Amino acid sequence: VEFVNYVKNDLPDPSERETILAAPTLSLTSMVQAAKDTPLKIAAEN
């Protein structure tokens, strides 16, 4: 969550470059909440 909060406001426009972070399952829902309304998309690793 700390990582998402650090990077989420400095990402490129998603129409020009898509940004994705894949993380362990336990962290995913908290990361989705932290990344809400930002260009960052959260992915599962499996």
ModelCIF file with pLDDT and N, C-alpha, C, O atoms, coordinates in Angstrom:
data_MODEL
#
_entry.id   MODEL 
#
_entity.id                         1 
_entity.type                       polymer 
_entity.pdbx_number_of_molecules   1 
#
_entity_poly.entity_id                      1 
_entity_poly.type                           'polypeptide(L)' 
_entity_poly.nstd_linkage                   no 
_entity_poly.nstd_monomer                   no 
_entity_poly.pdbx_seq_one_letter_code       VEFVNYVKNDLPDPSERETILAAPTLSLTSMVQAAKDTPLKIAAEN 
_entity_poly.pdbx_seq_one_letter_code_can   VEFVNYVKNDLPDPSERETILAAPTLSLTSMVQAAKDTPLKIAAEN 
_entity_poly.pdbx_strand_id                 A 
#
loop_
_entity_poly_seq.entity_id 
_entity_poly_seq.num 
_entity_poly_seq.mon_id 
_entity_poly_seq.hetero 
1 1  VAL n 
1 2  GLU n 
1 3  PHE n 
1 4  VAL n 
1 5  ASN n 
1 6  TYR n 
1 7  VAL n 
1 8  LYS n 
1 9  ASN n 
1 10 ASP n 
1 11 LEU n 
1 12 PRO n 
1 13 ASP n 
1 14 PRO n 
1 15 SER n 
1 16 GLU n 
1 17 ARG n 
1 18 GLU n 
1 19 THR n 
1 20 ILE n 
1 21 LEU n 
1 22 ALA n 
1 23 ALA n 
1 24 PRO n 
1 25 THR n 
1 26 LEU n 
1 27 SER n 
1 28 LEU n 
1 29 THR n 
1 30 SER n 
1 31 MET n 
1 32 VAL n 
1 33 GLN n 
1 34 ALA n 
1 35 ALA n 
1 36 LYS n 
1 37 ASP n 
1 38 THR n 
1 39 PRO n 
1 40 LEU n 
1 41 LYS n 
1 42 ILE n 
1 43 ALA n 
1 44 ALA n 
1 45 GLU n 
1 46 ASN n 
#
_struct_asym.id          A 
_struct_asym.entity_id   1 
#
loop_
_ma_qa_metric.id 
_ma_qa_metric.mode 
_ma_qa_metric.name 
_ma_qa_metric.software_group_id 
_ma_qa_metric.type 
1 global pLDDT . pLDDT 
2 local  pLDDT . pLDDT 
#
_ma_qa_metric_global.metric_id      1 
_ma_qa_metric_global.metric_value   97.74 
_ma_qa_metric_global.model_id       1 
_ma_qa_metric_global.ordinal_id     1 
#
loop_
_ma_qa_metric_local.label_asym_id 
_ma_qa_metric_local.label_comp_id 
_ma_qa_metric_local.label_seq_id 
_ma_qa_metric_local.metric_id 
_ma_qa_metric_local.metric_value 
_ma_qa_metric_local.model_id 
_ma_qa_metric_local.ordinal_id 
A VAL 1  2 98.00 1 1  
A GLU 2  2 98.00 1 2  
A PHE 3  2 98.00 1 3  
A VAL 4  2 98.00 1 4  
A ASN 5  2 98.00 1 5  
A TYR 6  2 98.00 1 6  
A VAL 7  2 98.00 1 7  
A LYS 8  2 98.00 1 8  
A ASN 9  2 97.00 1 9  
A ASP 10 2 98.00 1 10 
A LEU 11 2 98.00 1 11 
A PRO 12 2 97.00 1 12 
A ASP 13 2 97.00 1 13 
A PRO 14 2 96.00 1 14 
A SER 15 2 96.00 1 15 
A GLU 16 2 96.00 1 16 
A ARG 17 2 97.00 1 17 
A GLU 18 2 98.00 1 18 
A THR 19 2 98.00 1 19 
A ILE 20 2 98.00 1 20 
A LEU 21 2 98.00 1 21 
A ALA 22 2 98.00 1 22 
A ALA 23 2 98.00 1 23 
A PRO 24 2 98.00 1 24 
A THR 25 2 98.00 1 25 
A LEU 26 2 98.00 1 26 
A SER 27 2 98.00 1 27 
A LEU 28 2 98.00 1 28 
A THR 29 2 98.00 1 29 
A SER 30 2 98.00 1 30 
A MET 31 2 98.00 1 31 
A VAL 32 2 98.00 1 32 
A GLN 33 2 98.00 1 33 
A ALA 34 2 98.00 1 34 
A ALA 35 2 98.00 1 35 
A LYS 36 2 98.00 1 36 
A ASP 37 2 97.00 1 37 
A THR 38 2 98.00 1 38 
A PRO 39 2 97.00 1 39 
A LEU 40 2 98.00 1 40 
A LYS 41 2 98.00 1 41 
A ILE 42 2 98.00 1 42 
A ALA 43 2 98.00 1 43 
A ALA 44 2 98.00 1 44 
A GLU 45 2 98.00 1 45 
A ASN 46 2 98.00 1 46 
#
loop_
_atom_site.group_PDB 
_atom_site.id 
_atom_site.type_symbol 
_atom_site.label_atom_id 
_atom_site.label_alt_id 
_atom_site.label_comp_id 
_atom_site.label_asym_id 
_atom_site.label_entity_id 
_atom_site.label_seq_id 
_atom_site.pdbx_PDB_ins_code 
_atom_site.Cartn_x 
_atom_site.Cartn_y 
_atom_site.Cartn_z 
_atom_site.occupancy 
_atom_site.B_iso_or_equiv 
_atom_site.pdbx_formal_charge 
_atom_site.auth_seq_id 
_atom_site.auth_comp_id 
_atom_site.auth_asym_id 
_atom_site.auth_atom_id 
_atom_site.pdbx_PDB_model_num 
ATOM 1   N N  . VAL A 1 1  ? 0.838  -1.205  0.000   1.00 98.00 ? 1  VAL A N  1 
ATOM 2   C CA . VAL A 1 1  ? 0.000  0.000   0.000   1.00 98.00 ? 1  VAL A CA 1 
ATOM 3   C C  . VAL A 1 1  ? 0.871  1.252   0.000   1.00 98.00 ? 1  VAL A C  1 
ATOM 4   O O  . VAL A 1 1  ? 0.579  2.210   -0.717  1.00 98.00 ? 1  VAL A O  1 
ATOM 5   N N  . GLU A 1 2  ? 1.924  1.252   0.789   1.00 98.00 ? 2  GLU A N  1 
ATOM 6   C CA . GLU A 1 2  ? 2.849  2.380   0.818   1.00 98.00 ? 2  GLU A CA 1 
ATOM 7   C C  . GLU A 1 2  ? 3.442  2.628   -0.565  1.00 98.00 ? 2  GLU A C  1 
ATOM 8   O O  . GLU A 1 2  ? 3.575  3.777   -0.988  1.00 98.00 ? 2  GLU A O  1 
ATOM 9   N N  . PHE A 1 3  ? 3.796  1.566   -1.263  1.00 98.00 ? 3  PHE A N  1 
ATOM 10  C CA . PHE A 1 3  ? 4.355  1.675   -2.618  1.00 98.00 ? 3  PHE A CA 1 
ATOM 11  C C  . PHE A 1 3  ? 3.323  2.312   -3.555  1.00 98.00 ? 3  PHE A C  1 
ATOM 12  O O  . PHE A 1 3  ? 3.652  3.243   -4.290  1.00 98.00 ? 3  PHE A O  1 
ATOM 13  N N  . VAL A 1 4  ? 2.090  1.824   -3.535  1.00 98.00 ? 4  VAL A N  1 
ATOM 14  C CA . VAL A 1 4  ? 1.041  2.363   -4.407  1.00 98.00 ? 4  VAL A CA 1 
ATOM 15  C C  . VAL A 1 4  ? 0.831  3.845   -4.138  1.00 98.00 ? 4  VAL A C  1 
ATOM 16  O O  . VAL A 1 4  ? 0.732  4.643   -5.070  1.00 98.00 ? 4  VAL A O  1 
ATOM 17  N N  . ASN A 1 5  ? 0.764  4.209   -2.879  1.00 98.00 ? 5  ASN A N  1 
ATOM 18  C CA . ASN A 1 5  ? 0.551  5.619   -2.537  1.00 98.00 ? 5  ASN A CA 1 
ATOM 19  C C  . ASN A 1 5  ? 1.711  6.488   -3.004  1.00 98.00 ? 5  ASN A C  1 
ATOM 20  O O  . ASN A 1 5  ? 1.514  7.656   -3.337  1.00 98.00 ? 5  ASN A O  1 
ATOM 21  N N  . TYR A 1 6  ? 2.905  5.936   -3.031  1.00 98.00 ? 6  TYR A N  1 
ATOM 22  C CA . TYR A 1 6  ? 4.083  6.690   -3.458  1.00 98.00 ? 6  TYR A CA 1 
ATOM 23  C C  . TYR A 1 6  ? 4.070  6.963   -4.965  1.00 98.00 ? 6  TYR A C  1 
ATOM 24  O O  . TYR A 1 6  ? 4.453  8.049   -5.400  1.00 98.00 ? 6  TYR A O  1 
ATOM 25  N N  . VAL A 1 7  ? 3.632  5.985   -5.761  1.00 98.00 ? 7  VAL A N  1 
ATOM 26  C CA . VAL A 1 7  ? 3.767  6.108   -7.217  1.00 98.00 ? 7  VAL A CA 1 
ATOM 27  C C  . VAL A 1 7  ? 2.499  6.564   -7.931  1.00 98.00 ? 7  VAL A C  1 
ATOM 28  O O  . VAL A 1 7  ? 2.583  7.036   -9.065  1.00 98.00 ? 7  VAL A O  1 
ATOM 29  N N  . LYS A 1 8  ? 1.340  6.440   -7.316  1.00 98.00 ? 8  LYS A N  1 
ATOM 30  C CA . LYS A 1 8  ? 0.086  6.519   -8.068  1.00 98.00 ? 8  LYS A CA 1 
ATOM 31  C C  . LYS A 1 8  ? -0.191 7.870   -8.715  1.00 98.00 ? 8  LYS A C  1 
ATOM 32  O O  . LYS A 1 8  ? -0.937 7.934   -9.692  1.00 98.00 ? 8  LYS A O  1 
ATOM 33  N N  . ASN A 1 9  ? 0.383  8.938   -8.203  1.00 97.00 ? 9  ASN A N  1 
ATOM 34  C CA . ASN A 1 9  ? 0.121  10.266  -8.764  1.00 97.00 ? 9  ASN A CA 1 
ATOM 35  C C  . ASN A 1 9  ? 1.179  10.722  -9.754  1.00 97.00 ? 9  ASN A C  1 
ATOM 36  O O  . ASN A 1 9  ? 1.127  11.852  -10.239 1.00 97.00 ? 9  ASN A O  1 
ATOM 37  N N  . ASP A 1 10 ? 2.143  9.852   -10.061 1.00 98.00 ? 10 ASP A N  1 
ATOM 38  C CA . ASP A 1 10 ? 3.217  10.218  -10.981 1.00 98.00 ? 10 ASP A CA 1 
ATOM 39  C C  . ASP A 1 10 ? 3.309  9.266   -12.162 1.00 98.00 ? 10 ASP A C  1 
ATOM 40  O O  . ASP A 1 10 ? 4.391  9.033   -12.702 1.00 98.00 ? 10 ASP A O  1 
ATOM 41  N N  . LEU A 1 11 ? 2.179  8.724   -12.555 1.00 98.00 ? 11 LEU A N  1 
ATOM 42  C CA . LEU A 1 11 ? 2.144  7.737   -13.636 1.00 98.00 ? 11 LEU A CA 1 
ATOM 43  C C  . LEU A 1 11 ? 1.724  8.392   -14.951 1.00 98.00 ? 11 LEU A C  1 
ATOM 44  O O  . LEU A 1 11 ? 1.032  9.410   -14.936 1.00 98.00 ? 11 LEU A O  1 
ATOM 45  N N  . PRO A 1 12 ? 2.129  7.827   -16.082 1.00 97.00 ? 12 PRO A N  1 
ATOM 46  C CA . PRO A 1 12 ? 1.749  8.403   -17.375 1.00 97.00 ? 12 PRO A CA 1 
ATOM 47  C C  . PRO A 1 12 ? 0.259  8.258   -17.652 1.00 97.00 ? 12 PRO A C  1 
ATOM 48  O O  . PRO A 1 12 ? -0.430 7.441   -17.039 1.00 97.00 ? 12 PRO A O  1 
ATOM 49  N N  . ASP A 1 13 ? -0.218 9.064   -18.584 1.00 97.00 ? 13 ASP A N  1 
ATOM 50  C CA . ASP A 1 13 ? -1.614 8.961   -19.027 1.00 97.00 ? 13 ASP A CA 1 
ATOM 51  C C  . ASP A 1 13 ? -1.851 7.558   -19.577 1.00 97.00 ? 13 ASP A C  1 
ATOM 52  O O  . ASP A 1 13 ? -1.079 7.093   -20.415 1.00 97.00 ? 13 ASP A O  1 
ATOM 53  N N  . PRO A 1 14 ? -2.907 6.870   -19.121 1.00 96.00 ? 14 PRO A N  1 
ATOM 54  C CA . PRO A 1 14 ? -3.126 5.491   -19.570 1.00 96.00 ? 14 PRO A CA 1 
ATOM 55  C C  . PRO A 1 14 ? -3.411 5.357   -21.060 1.00 96.00 ? 14 PRO A C  1 
ATOM 56  O O  . PRO A 1 14 ? -3.312 4.260   -21.609 1.00 96.00 ? 14 PRO A O  1 
ATOM 57  N N  . SER A 1 15 ? -3.763 6.454   -21.721 1.00 96.00 ? 15 SER A N  1 
ATOM 58  C CA . SER A 1 15 ? -3.953 6.391   -23.173 1.00 96.00 ? 15 SER A CA 1 
ATOM 59  C C  . SER A 1 15 ? -2.621 6.339   -23.908 1.00 96.00 ? 15 SER A C  1 
ATOM 60  O O  . SER A 1 15 ? -2.565 5.993   -25.088 1.00 96.00 ? 15 SER A O  1 
ATOM 61  N N  . GLU A 1 16 ? -1.540 6.691   -23.194 1.00 96.00 ? 16 GLU A N  1 
ATOM 62  C CA . GLU A 1 16 ? -0.218 6.685   -23.792 1.00 96.00 ? 16 GLU A CA 1 
ATOM 63  C C  . GLU A 1 16 ? 0.641  5.524   -23.307 1.00 96.00 ? 16 GLU A C  1 
ATOM 64  O O  . GLU A 1 16 ? 1.455  5.000   -24.067 1.00 96.00 ? 16 GLU A O  1 
ATOM 65  N N  . ARG A 1 17 ? 0.470  5.118   -22.057 1.00 97.00 ? 17 ARG A N  1 
ATOM 66  C CA . ARG A 1 17 ? 1.213  3.984   -21.502 1.00 97.00 ? 17 ARG A CA 1 
ATOM 67  C C  . ARG A 1 17 ? 0.441  3.417   -20.323 1.00 97.00 ? 17 ARG A C  1 
ATOM 68  O O  . ARG A 1 17 ? 0.100  4.145   -19.390 1.00 97.00 ? 17 ARG A O  1 
ATOM 69  N N  . GLU A 1 18 ? 0.169  2.134   -20.362 1.00 98.00 ? 18 GLU A N  1 
ATOM 70  C CA . GLU A 1 18 ? -0.585 1.470   -19.301 1.00 98.00 ? 18 GLU A CA 1 
ATOM 71  C C  . GLU A 1 18 ? 0.384  0.968   -18.224 1.00 98.00 ? 18 GLU A C  1 
ATOM 72  O O  . GLU A 1 18 ? 1.425  0.387   -18.530 1.00 98.00 ? 18 GLU A O  1 
ATOM 73  N N  . THR A 1 19 ? 0.023  1.203   -16.970 1.00 98.00 ? 19 THR A N  1 
ATOM 74  C CA . THR A 1 19 ? 0.864  0.815   -15.847 1.00 98.00 ? 19 THR A CA 1 
ATOM 75  C C  . THR A 1 19 ? 0.148  -0.239  -15.000 1.00 98.00 ? 19 THR A C  1 
ATOM 76  O O  . THR A 1 19 ? -0.991 -0.047  -14.576 1.00 98.00 ? 19 THR A O  1 
ATOM 77  N N  . ILE A 1 20 ? 0.847  -1.366  -14.761 1.00 98.00 ? 20 ILE A N  1 
ATOM 78  C CA . ILE A 1 20 ? 0.261  -2.493  -14.039 1.00 98.00 ? 20 ILE A CA 1 
ATOM 79  C C  . ILE A 1 20 ? 1.233  -2.958  -12.958 1.00 98.00 ? 20 ILE A C  1 
ATOM 80  O O  . ILE A 1 20 ? 2.445  -2.983  -13.173 1.00 98.00 ? 20 ILE A O  1 
ATOM 81  N N  . LEU A 1 21 ? 0.696  -3.324  -11.796 1.00 98.00 ? 21 LEU A N  1 
ATOM 82  C CA . LEU A 1 21 ? 1.491  -3.955  -10.749 1.00 98.00 ? 21 LEU A CA 1 
ATOM 83  C C  . LEU A 1 21 ? 0.847  -5.281  -10.375 1.00 98.00 ? 21 LEU A C  1 
ATOM 84  O O  . LEU A 1 21 ? -0.333 -5.326  -10.030 1.00 98.00 ? 21 LEU A O  1 
ATOM 85  N N  . ALA A 1 22 ? 1.621  -6.363  -10.444 1.00 98.00 ? 22 ALA A N  1 
ATOM 86  C CA . ALA A 1 22 ? 1.161  -7.682  -10.015 1.00 98.00 ? 22 ALA A CA 1 
ATOM 87  C C  . ALA A 1 22 ? 1.794  -7.993  -8.670  1.00 98.00 ? 22 ALA A C  1 
ATOM 88  O O  . ALA A 1 22 ? 3.007  -7.873  -8.499  1.00 98.00 ? 22 ALA A O  1 
ATOM 89  N N  . ALA A 1 23 ? 0.962  -8.394  -7.718  1.00 98.00 ? 23 ALA A N  1 
ATOM 90  C CA . ALA A 1 23 ? 1.431  -8.567  -6.343  1.00 98.00 ? 23 ALA A CA 1 
ATOM 91  C C  . ALA A 1 23 ? 0.869  -9.851  -5.756  1.00 98.00 ? 23 ALA A C  1 
ATOM 92  O O  . ALA A 1 23 ? -0.058 -10.436 -6.317  1.00 98.00 ? 23 ALA A O  1 
ATOM 93  N N  . PRO A 1 24 ? 1.426  -10.300 -4.617  1.00 98.00 ? 24 PRO A N  1 
ATOM 94  C CA . PRO A 1 24 ? 0.869  -11.472 -3.937  1.00 98.00 ? 24 PRO A CA 1 
ATOM 95  C C  . PRO A 1 24 ? -0.603 -11.268 -3.584  1.00 98.00 ? 24 PRO A C  1 
ATOM 96  O O  . PRO A 1 24 ? -1.036 -10.148 -3.315  1.00 98.00 ? 24 PRO A O  1 
ATOM 97  N N  . THR A 1 25 ? -1.355 -12.345 -3.587  1.00 98.00 ? 25 THR A N  1 
ATOM 98  C CA . THR A 1 25 ? -2.808 -12.292 -3.434  1.00 98.00 ? 25 THR A CA 1 
ATOM 99  C C  . THR A 1 25 ? -3.241 -11.540 -2.184  1.00 98.00 ? 25 THR A C  1 
ATOM 100 O O  . THR A 1 25 ? -4.217 -10.790 -2.229  1.00 98.00 ? 25 THR A O  1 
ATOM 101 N N  . LEU A 1 26 ? -2.544 -11.722 -1.075  1.00 98.00 ? 26 LEU A N  1 
ATOM 102 C CA . LEU A 1 26 ? -2.942 -11.115 0.188   1.00 98.00 ? 26 LEU A CA 1 
ATOM 103 C C  . LEU A 1 26 ? -2.990 -9.594  0.114   1.00 98.00 ? 26 LEU A C  1 
ATOM 104 O O  . LEU A 1 26 ? -3.748 -8.966  0.853   1.00 98.00 ? 26 LEU A O  1 
ATOM 105 N N  . SER A 1 27 ? -2.202 -8.999  -0.756  1.00 98.00 ? 27 SER A N  1 
ATOM 106 C CA . SER A 1 27 ? -2.117 -7.536  -0.847  1.00 98.00 ? 27 SER A CA 1 
ATOM 107 C C  . SER A 1 27 ? -3.091 -6.932  -1.854  1.00 98.00 ? 27 SER A C  1 
ATOM 108 O O  . SER A 1 27 ? -3.261 -5.713  -1.872  1.00 98.00 ? 27 SER A O  1 
ATOM 109 N N  . LEU A 1 28 ? -3.723 -7.730  -2.678  1.00 98.00 ? 28 LEU A N  1 
ATOM 110 C CA . LEU A 1 28 ? -4.418 -7.197  -3.848  1.00 98.00 ? 28 LEU A CA 1 
ATOM 111 C C  . LEU A 1 28 ? -5.574 -6.260  -3.508  1.00 98.00 ? 28 LEU A C  1 
ATOM 112 O O  . LEU A 1 28 ? -5.656 -5.168  -4.070  1.00 98.00 ? 28 LEU A O  1 
ATOM 113 N N  . THR A 1 29 ? -6.458 -6.653  -2.614  1.00 98.00 ? 29 THR A N  1 
ATOM 114 C CA . THR A 1 29 ? -7.619 -5.802  -2.338  1.00 98.00 ? 29 THR A CA 1 
ATOM 115 C C  . THR A 1 29 ? -7.201 -4.465  -1.726  1.00 98.00 ? 29 THR A C  1 
ATOM 116 O O  . THR A 1 29 ? -7.785 -3.431  -2.048  1.00 98.00 ? 29 THR A O  1 
ATOM 117 N N  . SER A 1 30 ? -6.207 -4.476  -0.856  1.00 98.00 ? 30 SER A N  1 
ATOM 118 C CA . SER A 1 30 ? -5.729 -3.221  -0.269  1.00 98.00 ? 30 SER A CA 1 
ATOM 119 C C  . SER A 1 30 ? -5.089 -2.334  -1.335  1.00 98.00 ? 30 SER A C  1 
ATOM 120 O O  . SER A 1 30 ? -5.228 -1.112  -1.293  1.00 98.00 ? 30 SER A O  1 
ATOM 121 N N  . MET A 1 31 ? -4.398 -2.940  -2.281  1.00 98.00 ? 31 MET A N  1 
ATOM 122 C CA . MET A 1 31 ? -3.788 -2.169  -3.367  1.00 98.00 ? 31 MET A CA 1 
ATOM 123 C C  . MET A 1 31 ? -4.843 -1.582  -4.289  1.00 98.00 ? 31 MET A C  1 
ATOM 124 O O  . MET A 1 31 ? -4.712 -0.445  -4.742  1.00 98.00 ? 31 MET A O  1 
ATOM 125 N N  . VAL A 1 32 ? -5.891 -2.352  -4.570  1.00 98.00 ? 32 VAL A N  1 
ATOM 126 C CA . VAL A 1 32 ? -6.994 -1.843  -5.407  1.00 98.00 ? 32 VAL A CA 1 
ATOM 127 C C  . VAL A 1 32 ? -7.603 -0.600  -4.757  1.00 98.00 ? 32 VAL A C  1 
ATOM 128 O O  . VAL A 1 32 ? -7.856 0.392   -5.442  1.00 98.00 ? 32 VAL A O  1 
ATOM 129 N N  . GLN A 1 33 ? -7.838 -0.643  -3.465  1.00 98.00 ? 33 GLN A N  1 
ATOM 130 C CA . GLN A 1 33 ? -8.400 0.500   -2.759  1.00 98.00 ? 33 GLN A CA 1 
ATOM 131 C C  . GLN A 1 33 ? -7.465 1.696   -2.817  1.00 98.00 ? 33 GLN A C  1 
ATOM 132 O O  . GLN A 1 33 ? -7.905 2.825   -3.034  1.00 98.00 ? 33 GLN A O  1 
ATOM 133 N N  . ALA A 1 34 ? -6.165 1.447   -2.622  1.00 98.00 ? 34 ALA A N  1 
ATOM 134 C CA . ALA A 1 34 ? -5.195 2.544   -2.638  1.00 98.00 ? 34 ALA A CA 1 
ATOM 135 C C  . ALA A 1 34 ? -5.065 3.164   -4.032  1.00 98.00 ? 34 ALA A C  1 
ATOM 136 O O  . ALA A 1 34 ? -4.800 4.359   -4.158  1.00 98.00 ? 34 ALA A O  1 
ATOM 137 N N  . ALA A 1 35 ? -5.250 2.356   -5.070  1.00 98.00 ? 35 ALA A N  1 
ATOM 138 C CA . ALA A 1 35 ? -5.071 2.823   -6.451  1.00 98.00 ? 35 ALA A CA 1 
ATOM 139 C C  . ALA A 1 35 ? -6.361 3.365   -7.075  1.00 98.00 ? 35 ALA A C  1 
ATOM 140 O O  . ALA A 1 35 ? -6.360 3.750   -8.244  1.00 98.00 ? 35 ALA A O  1 
ATOM 141 N N  . LYS A 1 36 ? -7.434 3.400   -6.331  1.00 98.00 ? 36 LYS A N  1 
ATOM 142 C CA . LYS A 1 36 ? -8.727 3.829   -6.873  1.00 98.00 ? 36 LYS A CA 1 
ATOM 143 C C  . LYS A 1 36 ? -8.632 5.224   -7.500  1.00 98.00 ? 36 LYS A C  1 
ATOM 144 O O  . LYS A 1 36 ? -8.031 6.141   -6.940  1.00 98.00 ? 36 LYS A O  1 
ATOM 145 N N  . ASP A 1 37 ? -9.248 5.351   -8.683  1.00 97.00 ? 37 ASP A N  1 
ATOM 146 C CA . ASP A 1 37 ? -9.298 6.620   -9.420  1.00 97.00 ? 37 ASP A CA 1 
ATOM 147 C C  . ASP A 1 37 ? -7.915 7.109   -9.864  1.00 97.00 ? 37 ASP A C  1 
ATOM 148 O O  . ASP A 1 37 ? -7.709 8.309   -10.047 1.00 97.00 ? 37 ASP A O  1 
ATOM 149 N N  . THR A 1 38 ? -6.978 6.188   -10.036 1.00 98.00 ? 38 THR A N  1 
ATOM 150 C CA . THR A 1 38 ? -5.659 6.522   -10.576 1.00 98.00 ? 38 THR A CA 1 
ATOM 151 C C  . THR A 1 38 ? -5.407 5.659   -11.805 1.00 98.00 ? 38 THR A C  1 
ATOM 152 O O  . THR A 1 38 ? -6.161 4.717   -12.050 1.00 98.00 ? 38 THR A O  1 
ATOM 153 N N  . PRO A 1 39 ? -4.368 5.953   -12.585 1.00 97.00 ? 39 PRO A N  1 
ATOM 154 C CA . PRO A 1 39 ? -4.095 5.129   -13.778 1.00 97.00 ? 39 PRO A CA 1 
ATOM 155 C C  . PRO A 1 39 ? -3.591 3.724   -13.467 1.00 97.00 ? 39 PRO A C  1 
ATOM 156 O O  . PRO A 1 39 ? -3.560 2.873   -14.355 1.00 97.00 ? 39 PRO A O  1 
ATOM 157 N N  . LEU A 1 40 ? -3.197 3.469   -12.222 1.00 98.00 ? 40 LEU A N  1 
ATOM 158 C CA . LEU A 1 40 ? -2.569 2.196   -11.881 1.00 98.00 ? 40 LEU A CA 1 
ATOM 159 C C  . LEU A 1 40 ? -3.582 1.052   -11.850 1.00 98.00 ? 40 LEU A C  1 
ATOM 160 O O  . LEU A 1 40 ? -4.622 1.142   -11.197 1.00 98.00 ? 40 LEU A O  1 
ATOM 161 N N  . LYS A 1 41 ? -3.256 -0.031  -12.574 1.00 98.00 ? 41 LYS A N  1 
ATOM 162 C CA . LYS A 1 41 ? -4.082 -1.236  -12.556 1.00 98.00 ? 41 LYS A CA 1 
ATOM 163 C C  . LYS A 1 41 ? -3.359 -2.322  -11.757 1.00 98.00 ? 41 LYS A C  1 
ATOM 164 O O  . LYS A 1 41 ? -2.142 -2.480  -11.853 1.00 98.00 ? 41 LYS A O  1 
ATOM 165 N N  . ILE A 1 42 ? -4.138 -3.062  -10.969 1.00 98.00 ? 42 ILE A N  1 
ATOM 166 C CA . ILE A 1 42 ? -3.575 -4.090  -10.116 1.00 98.00 ? 42 ILE A CA 1 
ATOM 167 C C  . ILE A 1 42 ? -3.854 -5.462  -10.725 1.00 98.00 ? 42 ILE A C  1 
ATOM 168 O O  . ILE A 1 42 ? -4.964 -5.742  -11.179 1.00 98.00 ? 42 ILE A O  1 
ATOM 169 N N  . ALA A 1 43 ? -2.831 -6.307  -10.725 1.00 98.00 ? 43 ALA A N  1 
ATOM 170 C CA . ALA A 1 43 ? -2.918 -7.633  -11.339 1.00 98.00 ? 43 ALA A CA 1 
ATOM 171 C C  . ALA A 1 43 ? -2.611 -8.712  -10.313 1.00 98.00 ? 43 ALA A C  1 
ATOM 172 O O  . ALA A 1 43 ? -1.879 -8.488  -9.349  1.00 98.00 ? 43 ALA A O  1 
ATOM 173 N N  . ALA A 1 44 ? -3.187 -9.887  -10.541 1.00 98.00 ? 44 ALA A N  1 
ATOM 174 C CA . ALA A 1 44 ? -2.821 -11.067 -9.756  1.00 98.00 ? 44 ALA A CA 1 
ATOM 175 C C  . ALA A 1 44 ? -1.665 -11.778 -10.441 1.00 98.00 ? 44 ALA A C  1 
ATOM 176 O O  . ALA A 1 44 ? -1.477 -11.654 -11.651 1.00 98.00 ? 44 ALA A O  1 
ATOM 177 N N  . GLU A 1 45 ? -0.895 -12.521 -9.662  1.00 98.00 ? 45 GLU A N  1 
ATOM 178 C CA . GLU A 1 45 ? 0.249  -13.254 -10.208 1.00 98.00 ? 45 GLU A CA 1 
ATOM 179 C C  . GLU A 1 45 ? -0.125 -14.650 -10.671 1.00 98.00 ? 45 GLU A C  1 
ATOM 180 O O  . GLU A 1 45 ? 0.687  -15.344 -11.282 1.00 98.00 ? 45 GLU A O  1 
ATOM 181 N N  . ASN A 1 46 ? -1.355 -15.065 -10.381 1.00 98.00 ? 46 ASN A N  1 
ATOM 182 C CA . ASN A 1 46 ? -1.791 -16.415 -10.745 1.00 98.00 ? 46 ASN A CA 1 
ATOM 183 C C  . ASN A 1 46 ? -3.266 -16.546 -10.384 1.00 98.00 ? 46 ASN A C  1 
ATOM 184 O O  . ASN A 1 46 ? -3.863 -17.601 -10.598 1.00 98.00 ? 46 ASN A O  1 
#
